[in-house]
């Protein structure tokens, strides 16, 4: 199976696959403290390649079945070094045609517009490749950078989910946002 690949002015977005286990483990180790306040705990040791391999095998299978897309970000100048991740997961079919968006970036690359650049390419691809009507993205209220990013990308706030997700040792509130696909073709929509 040919996995999708996207490029932007500064970035290469490769779909997650087992060949990326080592650079993903290095990314996780470099960003342990940076990502801890925003990421759910993992049952797998993400700081080892062995911990990544089964997850990456599943990521390929989910891509093939159109259940998820999981991108790994790298700069053109250093394509072997992972600097971020984007995931479109929990794809729901039928009358919902929706998924959840998650993303994270290396602490050394924050504030440079790289995630905006990456998501500006990945979101239209996800809408088209997965035939989605809607993408939902949630963030902790105190993560104003994430909220500003989503607003710039056209996500609208739809609510607040109290004690929504277990992160950083407790159940945390999350602001819920969504972006609808303006090009969703109702004429060819057939619930799966």
Protein backbone atom coordinates (compact mmCIF):
# COMPACT_ATOMS: atom_id res chain seq x y z
CA UNK A 1 0.00 0.00 0.00
CA UNK A 2 1.26 3.46 -0.89
CA UNK A 3 0.92 5.63 2.19
CA UNK A 4 -0.07 9.27 1.64
CA UNK A 5 2.56 11.98 1.83
CA UNK A 6 2.05 15.74 1.87
CA UNK A 7 4.51 18.58 1.45
CA UNK A 8 4.29 22.25 2.34
CA UNK A 9 6.78 25.08 1.96
CA UNK A 10 8.79 23.97 4.99
CA UNK A 11 7.48 20.53 5.91
CA UNK A 12 7.14 16.94 4.83
CA UNK A 13 4.15 15.09 6.30
CA UNK A 14 4.65 11.34 6.11
CA UNK A 15 1.99 8.89 7.15
CA UNK A 16 2.99 6.94 10.25
CA UNK A 17 4.63 3.59 9.51
CA UNK A 18 7.02 1.21 11.32
CA UNK A 19 10.09 2.74 9.62
CA UNK A 20 9.48 5.85 11.75
CA UNK A 21 9.69 4.05 15.11
CA UNK A 22 13.17 5.31 16.04
CA UNK A 23 12.65 9.01 15.19
CA UNK A 24 9.26 8.94 16.93
CA UNK A 25 10.84 7.49 20.08
CA UNK A 26 13.50 10.21 19.96
CA UNK A 27 10.77 12.86 19.53
CA UNK A 28 8.84 11.48 22.52
CA UNK A 29 11.95 11.44 24.72
CA UNK A 30 12.92 15.00 23.76
CA UNK A 31 9.42 16.29 24.48
CA UNK A 32 8.42 14.30 27.59
CA UNK A 33 8.01 17.33 29.87
CA UNK A 34 6.68 19.59 27.13
CA UNK A 35 3.83 17.25 26.13
CA UNK A 36 2.91 15.88 29.58
CA UNK A 37 0.36 18.62 30.47
CA UNK A 38 -1.50 18.13 27.17
CA UNK A 39 -1.32 14.40 26.39
CA UNK A 40 -3.22 11.44 27.86
CA UNK A 41 -1.06 8.75 29.49
CA UNK A 42 0.02 5.92 27.22
CA UNK A 43 0.02 2.24 28.07
CA UNK A 44 3.03 1.90 25.76
CA UNK A 45 6.56 3.21 26.32
CA UNK A 46 6.66 5.83 23.59
CA UNK A 47 10.32 6.58 24.28
CA UNK A 48 11.41 3.28 22.71
CA UNK A 49 11.17 2.11 19.11
CA UNK A 50 9.77 -1.21 20.36
CA UNK A 51 6.91 0.68 21.97
CA UNK A 52 6.08 2.40 18.69
CA UNK A 53 6.19 -0.56 16.30
CA UNK A 54 2.77 -2.10 17.13
CA UNK A 55 1.16 1.35 17.12
CA UNK A 56 2.64 2.09 13.71
CA UNK A 57 1.56 -1.25 12.27
CA UNK A 58 -1.98 -0.43 13.44
CA UNK A 59 -1.69 3.09 11.97
CA UNK A 60 -1.01 1.60 8.52
CA UNK A 61 -3.99 -0.76 8.87
CA UNK A 62 -6.25 2.11 9.96
CA UNK A 63 -5.16 4.17 6.97
CA UNK A 64 -5.91 1.27 4.60
CA UNK A 65 -9.40 0.88 6.12
CA UNK A 66 -10.01 4.66 6.22
CA UNK A 67 -10.42 4.55 10.01
CA UNK A 68 -7.65 7.09 10.71
CA UNK A 69 -4.83 9.16 9.26
CA UNK A 70 -1.70 9.73 11.35
CA UNK A 71 0.94 12.16 10.10
CA UNK A 72 4.53 12.59 11.21
CA UNK A 73 6.05 16.04 10.58
CA UNK A 74 9.62 16.83 9.57
CA UNK A 75 11.36 19.85 8.12
CA UNK A 76 12.57 19.60 4.51
CA UNK A 77 16.03 20.46 5.81
CA UNK A 78 16.03 17.53 8.29
CA UNK A 79 13.57 14.87 7.01
CA UNK A 80 14.88 12.21 9.39
CA UNK A 81 13.97 14.19 12.54
CA UNK A 82 10.35 14.12 13.73
CA UNK A 83 9.18 17.54 14.95
CA UNK A 84 5.46 16.91 15.34
CA UNK A 85 2.44 14.68 14.90
CA UNK A 86 -1.10 15.07 13.58
CA UNK A 87 -3.85 12.47 13.86
CA UNK A 88 -7.35 12.19 12.48
CA UNK A 89 -8.87 9.33 14.50
CA UNK A 90 -12.11 7.71 15.60
CA UNK A 91 -13.62 8.11 12.14
CA UNK A 92 -17.37 7.71 12.46
CA UNK A 93 -19.41 6.78 9.40
CA UNK A 94 -23.14 6.78 8.74
CA UNK A 95 -24.97 10.02 9.35
CA UNK A 96 -22.04 11.54 11.29
CA UNK A 97 -19.08 11.28 8.84
CA UNK A 98 -16.79 12.81 11.44
CA UNK A 99 -13.47 12.32 13.20
CA UNK A 100 -11.29 13.79 15.95
CA UNK A 101 -8.15 15.83 15.32
CA UNK A 102 -5.11 15.69 17.57
CA UNK A 103 -1.75 17.39 17.12
CA UNK A 104 1.50 18.21 18.90
CA UNK A 105 4.78 19.89 18.05
CA UNK A 106 8.33 19.72 19.36
CA UNK A 107 9.05 22.34 22.03
CA UNK A 108 11.96 23.68 19.96
CA UNK A 109 9.64 24.44 17.02
CA UNK A 110 6.73 26.18 18.76
CA UNK A 111 5.70 29.66 17.69
CA UNK A 112 6.98 29.41 14.11
CA UNK A 113 3.66 28.68 12.39
CA UNK A 114 4.68 25.14 11.51
CA UNK A 115 1.60 23.44 12.94
CA UNK A 116 -0.66 25.92 11.15
CA UNK A 117 1.19 25.17 7.92
CA UNK A 118 0.91 21.41 8.47
CA UNK A 119 -2.76 21.46 9.41
CA UNK A 120 -3.58 23.75 6.49
CA UNK A 121 -2.46 20.87 4.24
CA UNK A 122 -3.65 17.93 6.34
CA UNK A 123 -7.24 19.09 7.01
CA UNK A 124 -8.30 19.41 3.34
CA UNK A 125 -6.63 16.06 2.65
CA UNK A 126 -8.54 14.41 5.50
CA UNK A 127 -11.85 15.90 4.38
CA UNK A 128 -11.31 14.52 0.88
CA UNK A 129 -9.52 11.23 1.54
CA UNK A 130 -11.87 10.18 4.35
CA UNK A 131 -15.01 11.79 2.83
CA UNK A 132 -15.73 13.64 6.07
CA UNK A 133 -18.43 16.17 6.84
CA UNK A 134 -16.90 17.31 10.13
CA UNK A 135 -13.69 17.34 12.15
CA UNK A 136 -13.79 17.87 15.91
CA UNK A 137 -10.81 19.19 17.87
CA UNK A 138 -10.74 19.67 21.64
CA UNK A 139 -8.25 21.51 23.83
CA UNK A 140 -7.75 22.35 27.48
CA UNK A 141 -9.07 25.87 28.28
CA UNK A 142 -5.69 27.01 29.60
CA UNK A 143 -4.00 26.07 26.29
CA UNK A 144 -4.62 29.43 24.62
CA UNK A 145 -2.09 28.72 21.85
CA UNK A 146 -4.07 25.68 20.77
CA UNK A 147 -7.33 27.61 20.89
CA UNK A 148 -5.87 30.42 18.77
CA UNK A 149 -4.49 27.92 16.25
CA UNK A 150 -7.85 26.21 15.83
CA UNK A 151 -9.66 29.54 15.45
CA UNK A 152 -7.21 30.60 12.72
CA UNK A 153 -7.90 27.30 10.95
CA UNK A 154 -11.65 27.95 10.91
CA UNK A 155 -12.76 25.79 13.85
CA UNK A 156 -15.73 27.13 15.78
CA UNK A 157 -16.30 26.64 19.49
CA UNK A 158 -19.30 24.39 20.14
CA UNK A 159 -19.10 23.79 23.87
CA UNK A 160 -17.20 22.89 27.00
CA UNK A 161 -16.86 19.29 28.12
CA UNK A 162 -16.28 19.17 31.90
CA UNK A 163 -13.85 16.51 33.13
CA UNK A 164 -13.59 15.25 29.55
CA UNK A 165 -10.22 13.52 29.37
CA UNK A 166 -7.69 12.11 31.86
CA UNK A 167 -4.52 14.15 31.37
CA UNK A 168 -1.67 15.14 33.66
CA UNK A 169 -3.02 13.19 36.62
CA UNK A 170 -6.69 14.27 36.61
CA UNK A 171 -9.86 14.57 34.56
CA UNK A 172 -9.54 17.82 32.62
CA UNK A 173 -12.13 20.12 31.07
CA UNK A 174 -11.87 20.61 27.30
CA UNK A 175 -13.20 23.23 24.92
CA UNK A 176 -14.90 21.49 22.01
CA UNK A 177 -14.54 22.88 18.49
CA UNK A 178 -15.49 21.73 15.04
CA UNK A 179 -14.84 22.53 11.42
CA UNK A 180 -17.34 21.55 8.78
CA UNK A 181 -16.35 20.55 5.27
CA UNK A 182 -17.75 23.23 2.94
CA UNK A 183 -17.17 20.92 -0.05
CA UNK A 184 -18.97 17.91 1.40
CA UNK A 185 -20.97 16.46 -1.47
CA UNK A 186 -24.41 15.50 -0.23
CA UNK A 187 -25.34 14.23 -3.70
CA UNK A 188 -22.88 11.35 -3.51
CA UNK A 189 -23.10 10.74 0.22
CA UNK A 190 -24.05 7.18 1.03
CA UNK A 191 -23.85 6.18 4.71
CA UNK A 192 -21.40 3.34 5.26
